[in-house]
């Protein structure tokens, strides 16, 4: 589980590092006003970037345990952690109903 979190943190850092370059090259490739030779070079450079440095590869993980399944976006936690925090009364507007 720790390796997954480390790998995802590396992917996020790569995305932040190359984000501006990727947007610039995409703009050049899609713009019809540039000559074809420049657009082709931009397409070539765009294909050399890391495929994992894309926002598509990011997954929502519980920030305490790193669990992928049963994730709640509102709290940023997995269902197990939400249940534990609700039992302790630490989650806002959530109370232990019947578990």
N, C-alpha and C. Protein backbone atom coordinates (compact mmCIF):
# COMPACT_ATOMS: atom_id res chain seq x y z
N UNK A 1 0.82 -1.18 0.00
CA UNK A 1 0.00 0.00 0.00
C UNK A 1 0.88 1.25 0.00
N UNK A 2 1.98 1.19 0.72
CA UNK A 2 2.87 2.36 0.77
C UNK A 2 3.51 2.60 -0.58
N UNK A 3 3.83 1.51 -1.30
CA UNK A 3 4.42 1.68 -2.63
C UNK A 3 3.44 2.36 -3.58
N UNK A 4 2.17 2.04 -3.45
CA UNK A 4 1.16 2.67 -4.28
C UNK A 4 1.09 4.17 -4.01
N UNK A 5 1.13 4.55 -2.74
CA UNK A 5 1.09 5.97 -2.39
C UNK A 5 2.34 6.69 -2.86
N UNK A 6 3.50 6.05 -2.73
CA UNK A 6 4.75 6.66 -3.20
C UNK A 6 4.71 6.84 -4.70
N UNK A 7 4.24 5.82 -5.42
CA UNK A 7 4.16 5.90 -6.88
C UNK A 7 3.19 7.00 -7.31
N UNK A 8 2.07 7.12 -6.61
CA UNK A 8 1.11 8.15 -6.97
C UNK A 8 1.67 9.54 -6.68
N UNK A 9 2.41 9.71 -5.60
CA UNK A 9 3.03 11.00 -5.31
C UNK A 9 4.05 11.37 -6.37
N UNK A 10 4.80 10.40 -6.88
CA UNK A 10 5.75 10.65 -7.96
C UNK A 10 5.01 11.07 -9.22
N UNK A 11 3.88 10.42 -9.52
CA UNK A 11 3.08 10.78 -10.70
C UNK A 11 2.53 12.20 -10.58
N UNK A 12 2.11 12.58 -9.38
CA UNK A 12 1.59 13.94 -9.18
C UNK A 12 2.69 14.96 -9.36
N UNK A 13 3.88 14.67 -8.85
CA UNK A 13 5.01 15.60 -9.02
C UNK A 13 5.39 15.73 -10.49
N UNK A 14 5.37 14.63 -11.24
CA UNK A 14 5.66 14.69 -12.66
C UNK A 14 4.60 15.48 -13.41
N UNK A 15 3.35 15.33 -13.02
CA UNK A 15 2.28 16.08 -13.66
C UNK A 15 2.45 17.57 -13.43
N UNK A 16 2.75 17.96 -12.20
CA UNK A 16 2.94 19.38 -11.90
C UNK A 16 4.17 19.92 -12.63
N UNK A 17 5.19 19.10 -12.74
CA UNK A 17 6.43 19.52 -13.39
C UNK A 17 6.24 19.77 -14.88
N UNK A 18 5.50 18.89 -15.56
CA UNK A 18 5.37 18.95 -17.01
C UNK A 18 4.05 19.54 -17.50
N UNK A 19 3.19 19.99 -16.58
CA UNK A 19 1.85 20.43 -16.96
C UNK A 19 1.89 21.60 -17.94
N UNK A 20 2.69 22.61 -17.67
CA UNK A 20 2.72 23.78 -18.55
C UNK A 20 3.27 23.43 -19.93
N UNK A 21 4.30 22.57 -19.99
CA UNK A 21 4.86 22.17 -21.28
C UNK A 21 3.83 21.40 -22.11
N UNK A 22 3.09 20.51 -21.45
CA UNK A 22 2.10 19.70 -22.16
C UNK A 22 1.00 20.59 -22.73
N UNK A 23 0.55 21.58 -21.96
CA UNK A 23 -0.50 22.47 -22.46
C UNK A 23 0.01 23.31 -23.63
N UNK A 24 1.26 23.78 -23.56
CA UNK A 24 1.82 24.56 -24.66
C UNK A 24 1.92 23.73 -25.93
N UNK A 25 2.43 22.52 -25.81
CA UNK A 25 2.58 21.67 -26.99
C UNK A 25 1.22 21.26 -27.56
N UNK A 26 0.23 21.03 -26.70
CA UNK A 26 -1.11 20.71 -27.19
C UNK A 26 -1.70 21.89 -27.95
N UNK A 27 -1.45 23.10 -27.45
CA UNK A 27 -1.95 24.28 -28.13
C UNK A 27 -1.31 24.42 -29.51
N UNK A 28 -0.01 24.18 -29.59
CA UNK A 28 0.69 24.28 -30.88
C UNK A 28 0.18 23.23 -31.85
N UNK A 29 -0.02 22.01 -31.38
CA UNK A 29 -0.49 20.94 -32.26
C UNK A 29 -1.89 21.22 -32.79
N UNK A 30 -2.76 21.77 -31.96
CA UNK A 30 -4.16 21.98 -32.36
C UNK A 30 -4.38 23.27 -33.15
N UNK A 31 -3.41 24.18 -33.09
CA UNK A 31 -3.58 25.46 -33.78
C UNK A 31 -3.24 25.30 -35.25
N UNK A 32 -4.17 25.65 -36.12
CA UNK A 32 -4.00 25.50 -37.56
C UNK A 32 -3.12 26.59 -38.17
N UNK A 33 -2.86 27.66 -37.44
CA UNK A 33 -2.09 28.79 -37.99
C UNK A 33 -0.59 28.52 -38.03
N UNK A 34 -0.13 27.58 -37.22
CA UNK A 34 1.30 27.24 -37.24
C UNK A 34 1.61 26.39 -38.46
N UNK A 35 2.84 26.46 -38.96
CA UNK A 35 3.22 25.58 -40.08
C UNK A 35 3.21 24.11 -39.65
N UNK A 36 3.09 23.24 -40.62
CA UNK A 36 2.99 21.81 -40.34
C UNK A 36 4.26 21.28 -39.71
N UNK A 37 5.41 21.81 -40.11
CA UNK A 37 6.68 21.32 -39.56
C UNK A 37 6.77 21.60 -38.06
N UNK A 38 6.34 22.78 -37.64
CA UNK A 38 6.38 23.12 -36.20
C UNK A 38 5.35 22.28 -35.44
N UNK A 39 4.19 22.09 -36.03
CA UNK A 39 3.17 21.27 -35.38
C UNK A 39 3.62 19.82 -35.25
N UNK A 40 4.33 19.32 -36.25
CA UNK A 40 4.83 17.95 -36.19
C UNK A 40 5.88 17.80 -35.10
N UNK A 41 6.79 18.78 -34.98
CA UNK A 41 7.80 18.74 -33.91
C UNK A 41 7.14 18.80 -32.54
N UNK A 42 6.13 19.64 -32.41
CA UNK A 42 5.42 19.73 -31.13
C UNK A 42 4.73 18.41 -30.79
N UNK A 43 4.16 17.76 -31.81
CA UNK A 43 3.53 16.46 -31.60
C UNK A 43 4.56 15.42 -31.18
N UNK A 44 5.76 15.48 -31.77
CA UNK A 44 6.82 14.55 -31.40
C UNK A 44 7.25 14.77 -29.96
N UNK A 45 7.45 16.02 -29.55
CA UNK A 45 7.84 16.30 -28.16
C UNK A 45 6.73 15.91 -27.19
N UNK A 46 5.49 16.09 -27.62
CA UNK A 46 4.36 15.72 -26.77
C UNK A 46 4.32 14.22 -26.52
N UNK A 47 4.71 13.45 -27.52
CA UNK A 47 4.69 12.00 -27.37
C UNK A 47 5.85 11.49 -26.52
N UNK A 48 6.89 12.31 -26.30
CA UNK A 48 8.03 11.87 -25.50
C UNK A 48 7.80 12.05 -24.00
N UNK A 49 6.77 12.81 -23.61
CA UNK A 49 6.51 12.99 -22.19
C UNK A 49 6.02 11.69 -21.58
N UNK A 50 6.18 11.58 -20.29
CA UNK A 50 5.75 10.39 -19.58
C UNK A 50 4.23 10.24 -19.66
N UNK A 51 3.79 9.06 -19.96
CA UNK A 51 2.35 8.82 -20.03
C UNK A 51 1.72 8.84 -18.64
N UNK A 52 2.50 8.51 -17.63
CA UNK A 52 1.97 8.52 -16.27
C UNK A 52 1.87 9.94 -15.71
N UNK A 53 2.45 10.91 -16.43
CA UNK A 53 2.38 12.30 -15.98
C UNK A 53 1.12 12.95 -16.51
N UNK A 54 0.00 12.27 -16.34
CA UNK A 54 -1.28 12.77 -16.79
C UNK A 54 -2.25 12.73 -15.62
N UNK A 55 -3.19 13.67 -15.63
CA UNK A 55 -4.15 13.72 -14.52
C UNK A 55 -5.12 12.55 -14.56
N UNK A 56 -5.17 11.81 -15.66
CA UNK A 56 -6.08 10.68 -15.79
C UNK A 56 -5.67 9.54 -14.86
N UNK A 57 -4.40 9.42 -14.56
CA UNK A 57 -3.89 8.30 -13.78
C UNK A 57 -4.01 8.50 -12.27
N UNK A 58 -4.49 9.64 -11.82
CA UNK A 58 -4.60 9.87 -10.39
C UNK A 58 -5.83 9.15 -9.85
N UNK A 59 -5.68 8.54 -8.70
CA UNK A 59 -6.78 7.85 -8.05
C UNK A 59 -7.06 8.49 -6.71
N UNK A 60 -8.30 8.38 -6.27
CA UNK A 60 -8.66 8.89 -4.96
C UNK A 60 -8.32 7.85 -3.91
N UNK A 61 -7.46 8.23 -2.98
CA UNK A 61 -7.05 7.34 -1.90
C UNK A 61 -7.43 7.96 -0.56
N UNK A 62 -7.72 7.12 0.40
CA UNK A 62 -7.87 7.58 1.77
C UNK A 62 -6.51 8.09 2.22
N UNK A 63 -6.46 9.32 2.74
CA UNK A 63 -5.16 9.87 3.07
C UNK A 63 -4.58 9.31 4.36
N UNK A 64 -5.38 8.57 5.13
CA UNK A 64 -4.85 7.93 6.33
C UNK A 64 -4.32 6.52 6.06
N UNK A 65 -5.10 5.74 5.32
CA UNK A 65 -4.73 4.34 5.11
C UNK A 65 -4.28 4.04 3.69
N UNK A 66 -4.65 4.91 2.72
CA UNK A 66 -4.30 4.66 1.33
C UNK A 66 -5.26 3.71 0.63
N UNK A 67 -6.37 3.43 1.26
CA UNK A 67 -7.36 2.50 0.69
C UNK A 67 -8.03 3.13 -0.53
N UNK A 68 -8.16 2.34 -1.60
CA UNK A 68 -8.75 2.83 -2.84
C UNK A 68 -10.26 2.67 -2.87
N UNK A 69 -10.75 1.59 -2.31
CA UNK A 69 -12.19 1.29 -2.40
C UNK A 69 -12.93 1.87 -1.20
N UNK A 70 -14.18 2.18 -1.42
CA UNK A 70 -15.00 2.73 -0.35
C UNK A 70 -14.56 4.12 0.04
N UNK A 71 -14.16 4.93 -0.94
CA UNK A 71 -13.62 6.27 -0.69
C UNK A 71 -14.74 7.29 -0.77
N UNK A 72 -14.78 8.21 0.18
CA UNK A 72 -15.75 9.30 0.19
C UNK A 72 -15.03 10.60 -0.13
N UNK A 73 -15.46 11.28 -1.18
CA UNK A 73 -14.81 12.53 -1.58
C UNK A 73 -15.06 13.64 -0.57
N UNK A 74 -16.22 13.61 0.06
CA UNK A 74 -16.58 14.68 0.99
C UNK A 74 -15.60 14.73 2.16
N UNK A 75 -15.25 13.58 2.70
CA UNK A 75 -14.33 13.53 3.83
C UNK A 75 -12.89 13.25 3.42
N UNK A 76 -12.70 12.64 2.27
CA UNK A 76 -11.35 12.25 1.86
C UNK A 76 -10.87 11.01 2.59
N UNK A 77 -11.81 10.23 3.10
CA UNK A 77 -11.49 9.05 3.88
C UNK A 77 -12.22 7.83 3.31
N UNK A 78 -11.74 6.65 3.69
CA UNK A 78 -12.45 5.43 3.32
C UNK A 78 -13.62 5.23 4.28
N UNK A 79 -14.50 4.31 3.91
CA UNK A 79 -15.70 4.09 4.72
C UNK A 79 -15.36 3.58 6.11
N UNK A 80 -14.27 2.83 6.23
CA UNK A 80 -13.86 2.29 7.53
C UNK A 80 -13.41 3.42 8.45
N UNK A 81 -12.62 4.35 7.91
CA UNK A 81 -12.15 5.47 8.72
C UNK A 81 -13.29 6.42 9.08
N UNK A 82 -14.24 6.60 8.16
CA UNK A 82 -15.41 7.44 8.47
C UNK A 82 -16.19 6.83 9.62
N UNK A 83 -16.34 5.52 9.59
CA UNK A 83 -17.08 4.85 10.66
C UNK A 83 -16.37 4.99 12.00
N UNK A 84 -15.05 4.86 12.01
CA UNK A 84 -14.29 5.00 13.25
C UNK A 84 -14.37 6.43 13.79
N UNK A 85 -14.24 7.41 12.88
CA UNK A 85 -14.30 8.80 13.33
C UNK A 85 -15.72 9.18 13.76
N UNK A 86 -16.74 8.62 13.11
CA UNK A 86 -18.11 8.89 13.54
C UNK A 86 -18.38 8.30 14.91
N UNK A 87 -17.79 7.15 15.16
CA UNK A 87 -17.96 6.51 16.47
C UNK A 87 -17.35 7.37 17.57
N UNK A 88 -16.24 8.03 17.24
CA UNK A 88 -15.59 8.92 18.21
C UNK A 88 -16.21 10.32 18.24
N UNK A 89 -17.05 10.63 17.24
CA UNK A 89 -17.68 11.94 17.18
C UNK A 89 -16.80 13.01 16.57
N UNK A 90 -15.84 12.62 15.73
CA UNK A 90 -14.90 13.58 15.15
C UNK A 90 -15.31 14.08 13.77
N UNK A 91 -16.27 13.44 13.13
CA UNK A 91 -16.72 13.90 11.82
C UNK A 91 -17.86 14.88 12.00
N UNK A 92 -17.86 15.98 11.25
CA UNK A 92 -18.92 16.98 11.42
C UNK A 92 -20.24 16.49 10.84
N UNK A 93 -21.31 16.72 11.59
CA UNK A 93 -22.69 16.40 11.18
C UNK A 93 -22.93 14.92 10.93
N UNK A 94 -22.10 14.06 11.48
CA UNK A 94 -22.31 12.63 11.36
C UNK A 94 -22.32 12.05 12.76
N UNK A 95 -23.37 11.32 13.07
CA UNK A 95 -23.45 10.69 14.39
C UNK A 95 -23.65 9.20 14.21
N UNK A 96 -23.32 8.46 15.21
CA UNK A 96 -23.49 7.01 15.17
C UNK A 96 -24.99 6.72 15.26
N UNK A 97 -25.51 6.11 14.20
CA UNK A 97 -26.95 5.85 14.19
C UNK A 97 -27.24 4.46 14.73
N UNK A 98 -26.71 3.44 14.05
CA UNK A 98 -27.05 2.11 14.52
C UNK A 98 -26.02 1.09 14.02
N UNK A 99 -24.77 1.28 14.40
CA UNK A 99 -23.80 0.26 14.00
C UNK A 99 -22.97 -0.18 15.16
